[in-house]
């Protein structure tokens, strides 16, 4: 994987690097989710172009959302101000990253499902390859929410980071996906609200993850 002449570590600097304002996130998640496609998420040395998202709604209305039954210590960040990172641990092995939406006290967010690493490729590759003998293809670096979190180096300690502030995490303008290329469909792997078409992706992008319907666990 050769280094790009426009950037270090096998990538290129993010295009249109103006950070998104907090008002961008102060909207319903199903409006924010498609608008995030093509934007660039930066965490430290790694930047990725967002290619797939899922929206999760407000308490009492979206049974698939972590906030459906109200505020808990685990989901407290989702009830905070918009534009913050909500990181949760799932299946006893994976972290997943979300961006919070709507005003403080409401509880809603967008799951970051997949992206194309455009800067810091070697760093992302080292993180994804750690402990594995299998080679990692570039298209698979952040193809799926758990892989995305690993590629960006996001863990529980980053829960609550402000994506609109001056810290290590930011979402910049990038090149928003054009409407004809944005598709939507049912969310992946949820048992409740599974027909809600709040999964959004860029049509034909090789980094988009495959849709997997929920399969009940055998007891």
Protein backbone atom coordinates (compact mmCIF):
# COMPACT_ATOMS: atom_id res chain seq x y z
CA UNK A 1 0.00 0.00 0.00
CA UNK A 2 1.97 3.03 -1.22
CA UNK A 3 1.88 6.38 0.51
CA UNK A 4 -0.09 9.10 -1.24
CA UNK A 5 1.97 12.08 -2.35
CA UNK A 6 -0.66 14.43 -0.89
CA UNK A 7 -0.56 12.98 2.61
CA UNK A 8 1.28 10.74 5.02
CA UNK A 9 0.67 7.17 6.06
CA UNK A 10 -0.94 6.04 2.81
CA UNK A 11 -3.79 8.56 2.78
CA UNK A 12 -4.84 11.98 1.63
CA UNK A 13 -5.91 14.97 3.71
CA UNK A 14 -9.67 15.30 4.22
CA UNK A 15 -11.37 17.42 1.56
CA UNK A 16 -13.49 20.38 2.68
CA UNK A 17 -12.14 20.27 6.22
CA UNK A 18 -14.61 22.69 7.82
CA UNK A 19 -16.03 21.04 10.98
CA UNK A 20 -19.77 20.48 11.08
CA UNK A 21 -21.59 22.80 13.47
CA UNK A 22 -23.56 21.47 16.42
CA UNK A 23 -26.78 22.56 14.72
CA UNK A 24 -26.12 19.88 12.09
CA UNK A 25 -26.74 17.21 14.75
CA UNK A 26 -29.61 19.03 16.47
CA UNK A 27 -32.15 17.30 14.22
CA UNK A 28 -33.96 13.94 14.11
CA UNK A 29 -31.52 11.07 13.63
CA UNK A 30 -33.21 9.87 10.42
CA UNK A 31 -32.43 13.28 8.88
CA UNK A 32 -28.86 13.43 10.15
CA UNK A 33 -27.97 9.85 9.10
CA UNK A 34 -28.20 10.31 5.30
CA UNK A 35 -26.58 13.76 5.55
CA UNK A 36 -23.53 12.18 7.22
CA UNK A 37 -22.76 10.12 4.10
CA UNK A 38 -19.66 11.49 2.41
CA UNK A 39 -18.63 13.48 5.49
CA UNK A 40 -15.23 12.79 7.04
CA UNK A 41 -14.79 11.55 10.60
CA UNK A 42 -11.35 12.28 12.04
CA UNK A 43 -9.91 10.77 15.21
CA UNK A 44 -6.22 11.40 15.77
CA UNK A 45 -4.17 10.23 12.77
CA UNK A 46 -7.04 8.36 11.08
CA UNK A 47 -9.76 9.90 8.92
CA UNK A 48 -12.54 8.10 7.10
CA UNK A 49 -15.26 9.02 4.67
CA UNK A 50 -18.58 7.84 6.07
CA UNK A 51 -20.37 5.50 3.65
CA UNK A 52 -23.05 3.80 5.78
CA UNK A 53 -25.14 4.88 8.79
CA UNK A 54 -28.20 3.85 10.80
CA UNK A 55 -30.60 6.14 12.64
CA UNK A 56 -32.06 5.36 16.07
CA UNK A 57 -35.00 7.32 17.41
CA UNK A 58 -36.26 8.77 20.66
CA UNK A 59 -37.35 7.11 23.92
CA UNK A 60 -40.70 5.34 23.80
CA UNK A 61 -40.93 5.48 19.99
CA UNK A 62 -38.10 3.38 18.54
CA UNK A 63 -37.87 -0.08 20.18
CA UNK A 64 -34.50 -0.70 18.51
CA UNK A 65 -32.90 2.33 20.17
CA UNK A 66 -30.79 2.06 23.33
CA UNK A 67 -32.86 4.96 24.70
CA UNK A 68 -36.25 3.29 24.20
CA UNK A 69 -36.79 2.58 27.91
CA UNK A 70 -35.23 5.80 29.13
CA UNK A 71 -31.94 6.99 30.52
CA UNK A 72 -29.45 4.58 32.13
CA UNK A 73 -25.78 4.87 33.09
CA UNK A 74 -24.90 3.06 29.86
CA UNK A 75 -26.79 5.35 27.47
CA UNK A 76 -26.46 8.64 29.39
CA UNK A 77 -24.34 10.27 26.66
CA UNK A 78 -27.23 9.90 24.20
CA UNK A 79 -29.28 12.18 26.45
CA UNK A 80 -26.58 14.84 26.42
CA UNK A 81 -25.99 17.61 23.88
CA UNK A 82 -26.00 16.74 20.16
CA UNK A 83 -22.77 16.08 18.31
CA UNK A 84 -21.11 13.84 20.90
CA UNK A 85 -19.73 10.33 20.54
CA UNK A 86 -21.67 7.49 22.16
CA UNK A 87 -19.56 4.33 22.33
CA UNK A 88 -21.01 1.06 23.58
CA UNK A 89 -19.72 -2.49 24.01
CA UNK A 90 -21.69 -5.32 22.40
CA UNK A 91 -21.60 -9.12 22.25
CA UNK A 92 -18.84 -9.06 24.85
CA UNK A 93 -16.21 -8.26 22.23
CA UNK A 94 -16.96 -5.20 20.06
CA UNK A 95 -17.23 -1.45 20.43
CA UNK A 96 -19.60 0.54 18.22
CA UNK A 97 -19.66 4.32 17.73
CA UNK A 98 -22.62 6.67 17.37
CA UNK A 99 -23.12 10.41 17.09
CA UNK A 100 -25.85 11.92 19.26
CA UNK A 101 -28.74 13.90 17.80
CA UNK A 102 -31.53 16.23 18.96
CA UNK A 103 -31.42 18.59 21.98
CA UNK A 104 -30.06 17.62 25.38
CA UNK A 105 -32.45 15.43 27.33
CA UNK A 106 -34.06 13.69 24.33
CA UNK A 107 -31.89 10.63 23.59
CA UNK A 108 -31.26 9.75 19.93
CA UNK A 109 -28.31 8.99 17.67
CA UNK A 110 -26.76 7.70 14.47
CA UNK A 111 -24.72 4.50 14.37
CA UNK A 112 -21.62 4.76 12.17
CA UNK A 113 -21.76 1.51 10.22
CA UNK A 114 -18.99 1.79 7.63
CA UNK A 115 -16.49 4.08 5.97
CA UNK A 116 -13.50 4.41 3.66
CA UNK A 117 -10.23 5.16 5.43
CA UNK A 118 -8.70 8.09 3.54
CA UNK A 119 -5.90 9.09 5.89
CA UNK A 120 -3.85 7.12 8.38
CA UNK A 121 -4.31 3.90 6.43
CA UNK A 122 -1.24 2.21 7.91
CA UNK A 123 -2.36 3.05 11.45
CA UNK A 124 -5.84 1.67 10.77
CA UNK A 125 -4.36 -1.43 9.15
CA UNK A 126 -2.10 -2.09 12.15
CA UNK A 127 -5.07 -1.82 14.52
CA UNK A 128 -7.24 -4.10 12.42
CA UNK A 129 -4.47 -6.66 11.89
CA UNK A 130 -3.45 -6.95 15.54
CA UNK A 131 -3.78 -10.53 16.76
CA UNK A 132 -4.92 -11.83 13.37
CA UNK A 133 -3.01 -13.90 10.85
CA UNK A 134 -5.45 -13.07 8.07
CA UNK A 135 -4.63 -10.13 5.76
CA UNK A 136 -7.04 -7.20 5.90
CA UNK A 137 -8.19 -5.73 2.61
CA UNK A 138 -8.31 -1.94 2.39
CA UNK A 139 -12.05 -1.99 1.61
CA UNK A 140 -12.62 -3.98 4.81
CA UNK A 141 -10.71 -1.67 7.16
CA UNK A 142 -13.91 0.01 8.39
CA UNK A 143 -16.59 -2.14 6.75
CA UNK A 144 -19.01 -2.69 9.61
CA UNK A 145 -19.49 -0.79 12.89
CA UNK A 146 -17.06 -2.86 14.98
CA UNK A 147 -14.32 -2.66 12.35
CA UNK A 148 -14.91 1.09 12.03
CA UNK A 149 -14.40 1.56 15.76
CA UNK A 150 -11.18 -0.48 15.70
CA UNK A 151 -9.79 1.36 12.67
CA UNK A 152 -10.43 4.72 14.37
CA UNK A 153 -9.09 3.49 17.72
CA UNK A 154 -12.39 4.12 19.51
CA UNK A 155 -13.07 2.38 22.83
CA UNK A 156 -15.12 2.99 25.96
CA UNK A 157 -12.71 5.73 27.10
CA UNK A 158 -13.83 7.85 24.13
CA UNK A 159 -17.49 7.72 25.12
CA UNK A 160 -18.72 11.30 25.37
CA UNK A 161 -16.12 12.96 23.12
CA UNK A 162 -17.36 16.17 21.53
CA UNK A 163 -17.25 15.92 17.72
CA UNK A 164 -17.95 19.64 17.38
CA UNK A 165 -15.24 20.88 19.72
CA UNK A 166 -11.46 21.43 19.50
CA UNK A 167 -10.48 17.95 20.72
CA UNK A 168 -9.15 14.84 18.98
CA UNK A 169 -12.48 13.93 17.34
CA UNK A 170 -14.23 15.90 14.61
CA UNK A 171 -16.64 15.48 11.73
CA UNK A 172 -15.75 17.69 8.79
CA UNK A 173 -17.75 18.71 5.77
CA UNK A 174 -16.12 16.40 3.24
CA UNK A 175 -18.08 15.90 0.01
CA UNK A 176 -21.70 15.08 0.91
CA UNK A 177 -23.16 12.20 -1.06
CA UNK A 178 -25.55 13.26 -3.83
CA UNK A 179 -29.19 12.28 -3.32
CA UNK A 180 -29.41 9.80 -6.26
CA UNK A 181 -26.57 7.74 -4.77
CA UNK A 182 -28.06 7.54 -1.28
CA UNK A 183 -30.15 4.43 -0.66
CA UNK A 184 -32.12 3.38 2.41
CA UNK A 185 -33.54 0.17 3.80
CA UNK A 186 -34.21 -1.83 6.98
CA UNK A 187 -31.65 -1.66 9.76
CA UNK A 188 -29.21 -4.52 10.25
CA UNK A 189 -29.46 -7.18 12.95
CA UNK A 190 -32.19 -5.60 15.10
CA UNK A 191 -35.07 -7.66 16.45
CA UNK A 192 -37.46 -4.75 17.13
CA UNK A 193 -38.37 -2.08 14.60
CA UNK A 194 -36.52 -4.13 12.00
CA UNK A 195 -38.63 -2.89 9.08
CA UNK A 196 -37.92 0.79 9.77
CA UNK A 197 -35.94 1.96 6.70
CA UNK A 198 -33.36 3.94 8.67
CA UNK A 199 -30.20 2.34 7.32
CA UNK A 200 -28.57 4.62 4.74
CA UNK A 201 -25.64 3.92 2.42
CA UNK A 202 -23.86 5.14 -0.69
CA UNK A 203 -24.94 2.95 -3.59
CA UNK A 204 -22.15 0.82 -5.06
CA UNK A 205 -19.50 1.83 -2.53
CA UNK A 206 -17.27 -1.20 -1.82
CA UNK A 207 -16.88 -0.31 1.86
CA UNK A 208 -20.60 -0.66 2.66
CA UNK A 209 -21.34 -3.68 4.85
CA UNK A 210 -23.81 -6.40 3.81
CA UNK A 211 -27.31 -6.26 5.25
CA UNK A 212 -27.94 -9.00 7.81
CA UNK A 213 -31.42 -9.53 9.24
CA UNK A 214 -31.73 -10.38 12.91
CA UNK A 215 -31.37 -14.09 13.71
CA UNK A 216 -32.63 -15.15 17.17
CA UNK A 217 -30.03 -16.81 19.34
CA UNK A 218 -30.54 -20.46 20.18
CA UNK A 219 -30.80 -21.16 23.89
